[in-house]
């Protein structure tokens, strides 16, 4: 019941955040330069009556506050509106592109955690040795290098020069093999999906890996200097057991915080990585919507990304209790 109450409390806190996102996004999309109807009819002969009819169709002829209230009323019913450019429901467009973005972000985090945590532990255990120096330099380079630049370098090296991996596109493992030409069976589909995903996964996950590795190293050094670790060593506990049971678990709580708070960075980086690798995800959809001033689609994508971030932060908060039993969800003893 404590967990349920805390979850409901955090969800209630998220409501004003999402309302704030909707207000800011709506104002920026509707008060910015450009006319979506003119962009929609660009290169076509049109009359003033046609322009007015399109404006009435999408509610562009009404006052700003009425359009916002109408948008929020539809949002509460799960309706994100109609895309002006695609002339399709925004919800359908987002669902079509959400899968590739989630696949990219989740795989990037798996790569980051699978590499950063072992490297951070080894660097802390061998502090000030060559292994530690190399890991610190690698973390510094990873933190200071943009994801899109890493992607371009990976394409030049592994796709253009060596020809080992593809440089664009993505095979979706949830689709049937018959959806792709030359794919024979699910195993071949999974293999091609992994090959196409490898470079963008590394490009997006390098920043997360570097950040997590630095925090892991710092927390492990602090844990290894704790009194409980010194006591375990005094009793003759093997060093591997000290690392695994006494120091490692205590050091993971800040890692969960970093993973949750960096979710927005990963989603933002996915926009650029998808553009570099020509992946038809939320990133390309969002960039195209901004270029065409398709304000309904811009607001829909922004709201979806905001919901993903808020849900990620809530899951992060709840995960604290599974790592540190001292967390009581804000209740007093």
Protein backbone atom coordinates (compact mmCIF):
# COMPACT_ATOMS: atom_id res chain seq x y z
CA UNK A 1 0.00 0.00 0.00
CA UNK A 2 2.92 2.37 0.69
CA UNK A 3 4.21 1.79 -2.82
CA UNK A 4 0.75 2.32 -4.32
CA UNK A 5 0.17 5.55 -2.38
CA UNK A 6 3.57 6.87 -3.38
CA UNK A 7 2.99 6.00 -7.03
CA UNK A 8 -0.38 7.81 -7.03
CA UNK A 9 1.26 10.79 -5.30
CA UNK A 10 4.03 10.99 -7.92
CA UNK A 11 1.52 10.66 -10.77
CA UNK A 12 -0.48 13.53 -9.27
CA UNK A 13 2.71 15.62 -9.15
CA UNK A 14 3.28 14.89 -12.84
CA UNK A 15 -0.05 16.45 -13.88
CA UNK A 16 1.01 20.13 -13.48
CA UNK A 17 4.31 19.34 -15.18
CA UNK A 18 2.54 17.96 -18.25
CA UNK A 19 0.10 20.90 -18.25
CA UNK A 20 3.07 23.27 -18.20
CA UNK A 21 4.64 21.39 -21.13
CA UNK A 22 1.40 21.63 -23.08
CA UNK A 23 1.06 25.40 -22.46
CA UNK A 24 4.66 26.22 -23.43
CA UNK A 25 4.59 23.97 -26.49
CA UNK A 26 1.23 25.31 -27.64
CA UNK A 27 2.38 28.92 -27.39
CA UNK A 28 5.70 28.29 -29.13
CA UNK A 29 4.05 26.31 -31.93
CA UNK A 30 1.22 28.77 -32.56
CA UNK A 31 3.04 32.07 -32.06
CA UNK A 32 6.13 31.17 -34.06
CA UNK A 33 6.80 32.46 -37.57
CA UNK A 34 5.31 30.70 -40.57
CA UNK A 35 1.84 29.66 -41.67
CA UNK A 36 1.10 25.91 -41.78
CA UNK A 37 -1.65 26.39 -44.35
CA UNK A 38 0.68 28.26 -46.71
CA UNK A 39 3.31 25.53 -46.32
CA UNK A 40 0.66 22.90 -46.93
CA UNK A 41 -0.48 24.57 -50.18
CA UNK A 42 3.00 25.56 -51.32
CA UNK A 43 3.44 25.08 -55.08
CA UNK A 44 -0.31 24.70 -55.65
CA UNK A 45 -2.82 27.12 -57.02
CA UNK A 46 -5.31 28.02 -54.33
CA UNK A 47 -7.97 30.58 -53.64
CA UNK A 48 -8.67 32.58 -50.52
CA UNK A 49 -11.80 30.49 -49.95
CA UNK A 50 -9.73 27.30 -49.87
CA UNK A 51 -7.35 28.81 -47.30
CA UNK A 52 -10.25 29.87 -45.09
CA UNK A 53 -11.84 26.41 -45.41
CA UNK A 54 -8.64 24.71 -44.29
CA UNK A 55 -8.31 27.13 -41.38
CA UNK A 56 -11.86 26.36 -40.27
CA UNK A 57 -11.19 22.62 -40.63
CA UNK A 58 -8.24 22.73 -38.26
CA UNK A 59 -9.64 25.47 -36.01
CA UNK A 60 -6.97 28.00 -36.99
CA UNK A 61 -9.55 30.77 -37.36
CA UNK A 62 -10.47 30.73 -33.66
CA UNK A 63 -8.83 32.69 -30.81
CA UNK A 64 -5.71 31.21 -29.26
CA UNK A 65 -7.26 30.40 -25.87
CA UNK A 66 -10.20 28.58 -27.48
CA UNK A 67 -7.83 26.49 -29.58
CA UNK A 68 -5.85 25.56 -26.48
CA UNK A 69 -8.95 24.54 -24.52
CA UNK A 70 -10.14 22.47 -27.47
CA UNK A 71 -6.74 20.83 -27.71
CA UNK A 72 -6.71 19.99 -23.98
CA UNK A 73 -10.25 18.61 -24.15
CA UNK A 74 -9.17 16.25 -26.92
CA UNK A 75 -5.96 15.40 -25.06
CA UNK A 76 -7.93 14.22 -22.03
CA UNK A 77 -9.79 11.85 -24.36
CA UNK A 78 -6.58 10.55 -25.93
CA UNK A 79 -6.99 12.62 -29.11
CA UNK A 80 -3.83 14.53 -30.07
CA UNK A 81 -5.47 16.19 -33.04
CA UNK A 82 -5.00 15.97 -36.80
CA UNK A 83 -1.70 16.55 -38.58
CA UNK A 84 -1.99 19.41 -41.07
CA UNK A 85 0.72 18.09 -43.38
CA UNK A 86 0.00 14.34 -43.29
CA UNK A 87 -3.79 14.78 -42.86
CA UNK A 88 -3.74 11.85 -40.44
CA UNK A 89 -4.39 11.58 -36.69
CA UNK A 90 -1.29 12.58 -34.72
CA UNK A 91 -1.74 9.52 -32.48
CA UNK A 92 -1.40 7.17 -35.45
CA UNK A 93 1.74 8.94 -36.68
CA UNK A 94 3.34 8.75 -33.24
CA UNK A 95 2.51 5.08 -32.79
CA UNK A 96 4.06 4.33 -36.18
CA UNK A 97 7.34 6.00 -35.16
CA UNK A 98 7.47 5.30 -31.41
CA UNK A 99 8.77 1.73 -31.75
CA UNK A 100 12.09 2.58 -33.50
CA UNK A 101 12.84 5.37 -31.00
CA UNK A 102 12.15 3.17 -27.97
CA UNK A 103 14.24 0.38 -29.50
CA UNK A 104 17.14 2.78 -30.02
CA UNK A 105 16.94 4.38 -26.56
CA UNK A 106 16.52 1.07 -24.68
CA UNK A 107 19.37 -0.60 -26.59
CA UNK A 108 21.60 2.43 -25.96
CA UNK A 109 20.93 2.17 -22.22
CA UNK A 110 21.60 -1.58 -22.24
CA UNK A 111 24.92 -0.92 -23.97
CA UNK A 112 25.75 1.89 -21.53
CA UNK A 113 24.97 -0.11 -18.39
CA UNK A 114 26.62 -3.30 -19.63
CA UNK A 115 29.88 -1.46 -20.29
CA UNK A 116 29.93 1.38 -17.75
CA UNK A 117 29.24 -0.56 -14.56
CA UNK A 118 32.00 -3.20 -15.01
CA UNK A 119 34.49 -0.55 -16.17
CA UNK A 120 33.60 1.69 -13.23
CA UNK A 121 34.06 -1.15 -10.74
CA UNK A 122 37.40 -2.18 -12.24
CA UNK A 123 38.62 1.44 -12.30
CA UNK A 124 37.70 1.91 -8.64
CA UNK A 125 39.28 -1.38 -7.61
CA UNK A 126 42.51 -0.45 -9.46
CA UNK A 127 42.55 3.21 -8.54
CA UNK A 128 45.43 5.29 -9.98
CA UNK A 129 46.66 2.34 -12.03
CA UNK A 130 46.88 2.36 -15.88
CA UNK A 131 43.43 0.77 -16.16
CA UNK A 132 41.94 3.58 -14.10
CA UNK A 133 43.69 6.27 -16.15
CA UNK A 134 42.46 4.78 -19.45
CA UNK A 135 38.87 4.56 -18.20
CA UNK A 136 38.93 8.16 -16.99
CA UNK A 137 40.23 9.41 -20.34
CA UNK A 138 37.58 7.36 -22.17
CA UNK A 139 34.86 8.78 -19.92
CA UNK A 140 36.08 12.34 -20.49
CA UNK A 141 36.08 11.87 -24.27
CA UNK A 142 32.62 10.26 -24.17
CA UNK A 143 31.09 13.07 -22.10
CA UNK A 144 32.54 15.85 -24.28
CA UNK A 145 31.71 14.35 -27.70
CA UNK A 146 28.25 14.89 -29.27
CA UNK A 147 26.29 11.78 -30.20
CA UNK A 148 25.76 12.83 -33.81
CA UNK A 149 29.53 13.36 -34.31
CA UNK A 150 30.23 9.90 -32.91
CA UNK A 151 27.65 8.54 -35.33
CA UNK A 152 29.28 10.23 -38.30
CA UNK A 153 32.71 8.87 -37.31
CA UNK A 154 31.29 5.35 -36.88
CA UNK A 155 29.70 5.52 -40.33
CA UNK A 156 32.95 6.69 -41.95
CA UNK A 157 35.01 3.95 -40.27
CA UNK A 158 32.77 0.87 -40.09
CA UNK A 159 30.41 1.49 -43.02
CA UNK A 160 32.41 3.47 -45.59
CA UNK A 161 36.03 2.42 -45.01
CA UNK A 162 35.66 -1.13 -43.67
CA UNK A 163 32.20 -1.97 -45.04
CA UNK A 164 31.37 -4.15 -42.04
CA UNK A 165 28.07 -2.60 -40.97
CA UNK A 166 25.20 -0.74 -42.67
CA UNK A 167 25.08 3.04 -42.33
CA UNK A 168 21.33 3.71 -42.50
CA UNK A 169 17.91 2.26 -41.94
CA UNK A 170 16.68 -0.15 -39.32
CA UNK A 171 15.08 -3.60 -39.44
CA UNK A 172 12.27 -3.87 -36.92
CA UNK A 173 12.34 -7.25 -35.10
CA UNK A 174 8.61 -7.10 -34.29
CA UNK A 175 7.60 -7.16 -37.95
CA UNK A 176 7.17 -10.42 -39.90
CA UNK A 177 10.17 -11.48 -42.04
CA UNK A 178 7.98 -11.23 -45.17
CA UNK A 179 7.90 -7.45 -44.71
CA UNK A 180 11.53 -7.25 -45.87
CA UNK A 181 12.99 -8.38 -49.16
CA UNK A 182 15.65 -11.08 -48.87
CA UNK A 183 14.89 -11.95 -45.23
CA UNK A 184 14.34 -15.68 -44.70
CA UNK A 185 13.01 -16.46 -41.24
CA UNK A 186 13.05 -14.74 -37.86
CA UNK A 187 16.70 -15.55 -37.10
CA UNK A 188 17.83 -13.68 -40.21
CA UNK A 189 15.56 -10.79 -39.27
CA UNK A 190 17.01 -10.59 -35.73
CA UNK A 191 20.54 -10.73 -37.13
CA UNK A 192 19.92 -7.91 -39.61
CA UNK A 193 18.16 -5.89 -36.94
CA UNK A 194 21.20 -6.22 -34.65
CA UNK A 195 23.60 -5.25 -37.47
CA UNK A 196 21.61 -2.12 -38.34
CA UNK A 197 21.14 -1.19 -34.68
CA UNK A 198 24.76 -1.57 -33.56
CA UNK A 199 26.21 1.73 -34.82
CA UNK A 200 23.34 4.03 -33.73
CA UNK A 201 23.20 2.21 -30.38
CA UNK A 202 26.89 2.94 -29.74
CA UNK A 203 26.55 6.53 -30.97
CA UNK A 204 23.65 7.26 -28.62
CA UNK A 205 24.89 5.16 -25.69
CA UNK A 206 28.45 6.50 -25.51
CA UNK A 207 27.45 9.65 -23.62
CA UNK A 208 25.33 7.64 -21.18
CA UNK A 209 28.13 5.10 -20.77
CA UNK A 210 30.70 7.79 -19.98
CA UNK A 211 28.44 9.52 -17.45
CA UNK A 212 27.48 6.31 -15.68
CA UNK A 213 31.08 5.06 -15.60
CA UNK A 214 32.32 8.25 -13.90
CA UNK A 215 29.59 8.08 -11.26
CA UNK A 216 30.11 4.33 -10.76
CA UNK A 217 33.85 4.80 -10.21
CA UNK A 218 33.31 7.62 -7.71
CA UNK A 219 30.65 5.74 -5.73
CA UNK A 220 32.64 2.51 -5.69
CA UNK A 221 35.73 4.33 -4.36
CA UNK A 222 33.59 5.86 -1.62
CA UNK A 223 32.03 2.49 -0.78
CA UNK A 224 35.40 0.72 -0.68
CA UNK A 225 36.57 3.25 1.89
CA UNK A 226 33.59 2.60 4.18
CA UNK A 227 33.98 1.16 7.66
CA UNK A 228 31.87 -1.90 6.83
CA UNK A 229 34.26 -2.77 3.99
CA UNK A 230 37.28 -2.38 6.26
CA UNK A 231 35.60 -4.63 8.82
CA UNK A 232 34.85 -7.28 6.18
CA UNK A 233 38.47 -7.23 5.05
CA UNK A 234 39.66 -7.49 8.66
CA UNK A 235 37.60 -10.67 9.01
CA UNK A 236 39.37 -12.10 5.97
CA UNK A 237 36.47 -11.86 3.51
CA UNK A 238 37.78 -12.41 -0.06
CA UNK A 239 38.21 -9.23 -2.06
CA UNK A 240 35.81 -10.39 -4.76
CA UNK A 241 33.10 -10.95 -2.15
CA UNK A 242 33.81 -7.53 -0.64
CA UNK A 243 33.33 -5.91 -4.03
CA UNK A 244 30.19 -7.85 -4.91
CA UNK A 245 28.29 -7.97 -1.61
CA UNK A 246 29.52 -5.08 0.52
CA UNK A 247 30.50 -2.27 -1.84
CA UNK A 248 28.68 -2.80 -5.12
CA UNK A 249 25.05 -2.69 -3.98
CA UNK A 250 25.50 0.46 -1.89
CA UNK A 251 27.04 2.26 -4.87
CA UNK A 252 24.12 1.62 -7.25
CA UNK A 253 21.56 4.09 -5.88
CA UNK A 254 23.14 7.14 -7.60
CA UNK A 255 23.35 5.10 -10.81
CA UNK A 256 19.57 4.70 -10.82
CA UNK A 257 19.26 8.47 -10.38
CA UNK A 258 21.59 9.13 -13.31
CA UNK A 259 19.70 6.67 -15.54
CA UNK A 260 16.35 8.28 -14.78
CA UNK A 261 17.46 11.90 -15.10
CA UNK A 262 19.47 11.26 -18.27
CA UNK A 263 16.41 9.86 -20.02
CA UNK A 264 15.63 13.29 -21.44
CA UNK A 265 19.22 13.56 -22.73
CA UNK A 266 18.93 10.15 -24.40
CA UNK A 267 15.62 11.00 -26.04
CA UNK A 268 16.98 14.34 -27.24
CA UNK A 269 20.10 12.64 -28.58
CA UNK A 270 17.95 10.08 -30.35
CA UNK A 271 16.51 12.89 -32.50
CA UNK A 272 19.95 13.66 -33.96
CA UNK A 273 21.10 10.04 -34.13
CA UNK A 274 17.97 9.06 -36.06
CA UNK A 275 18.69 11.84 -38.54
CA UNK A 276 22.32 10.73 -39.00
CA UNK A 277 21.39 7.06 -39.53
CA UNK A 278 18.15 7.75 -41.43
CA UNK A 279 15.94 5.94 -38.91
CA UNK A 280 12.22 6.68 -39.23
CA UNK A 281 11.56 7.30 -35.56
CA UNK A 282 10.16 10.09 -33.44
CA UNK A 283 13.23 12.22 -34.14
CA UNK A 284 12.70 12.53 -37.87
CA UNK A 285 8.97 12.97 -37.33
CA UNK A 286 9.61 15.83 -34.89
CA UNK A 287 12.17 17.59 -37.09
CA UNK A 288 9.87 17.35 -40.11
CA UNK A 289 6.94 18.71 -38.11
CA UNK A 290 9.00 21.74 -37.04
CA UNK A 291 10.17 22.42 -40.60
CA UNK A 292 6.59 22.30 -41.91
CA UNK A 293 5.16 24.21 -38.94
CA UNK A 294 2.75 21.34 -38.32
CA UNK A 295 1.91 22.59 -34.84
CA UNK A 296 -0.50 19.75 -33.99
CA UNK A 297 2.20 17.18 -34.69
CA UNK A 298 4.84 19.23 -32.83
CA UNK A 299 2.63 19.39 -29.74
CA UNK A 300 1.74 15.70 -29.96
CA UNK A 301 5.36 14.54 -30.19
CA UNK A 302 6.40 16.92 -27.40
CA UNK A 303 3.65 15.65 -25.12
CA UNK A 304 4.59 12.04 -25.83
CA UNK A 305 8.27 12.70 -25.06
CA UNK A 306 7.25 14.55 -21.90
CA UNK A 307 5.12 11.60 -20.76
CA UNK A 308 7.99 9.19 -21.43
CA UNK A 309 10.36 11.33 -19.38
CA UNK A 310 7.94 11.76 -16.46
CA UNK A 311 7.16 8.02 -16.39
CA UNK A 312 10.90 7.27 -16.46
CA UNK A 313 11.52 9.54 -13.48
CA UNK A 314 8.66 7.94 -11.51
CA UNK A 315 9.98 4.45 -12.25
CA UNK A 316 13.41 5.63 -11.10
CA UNK A 317 12.00 6.86 -7.78
CA UNK A 318 10.15 3.61 -7.18
CA UNK A 319 13.24 1.57 -8.04
CA UNK A 320 15.12 3.09 -5.09
CA UNK A 321 13.38 0.76 -2.64
CA UNK A 322 14.56 -2.35 -4.46
CA UNK A 323 18.19 -1.25 -4.16
CA UNK A 324 18.15 0.50 -0.78
CA UNK A 325 15.65 -0.83 1.79
CA UNK A 326 16.09 2.36 3.84
CA UNK A 327 13.92 4.25 1.35
CA UNK A 328 10.45 4.65 2.88
CA UNK A 329 8.70 6.73 0.18
CA UNK A 330 8.72 9.87 2.26
CA UNK A 331 6.90 8.41 5.28
CA UNK A 332 8.19 9.14 8.76
CA UNK A 333 9.10 6.45 11.21
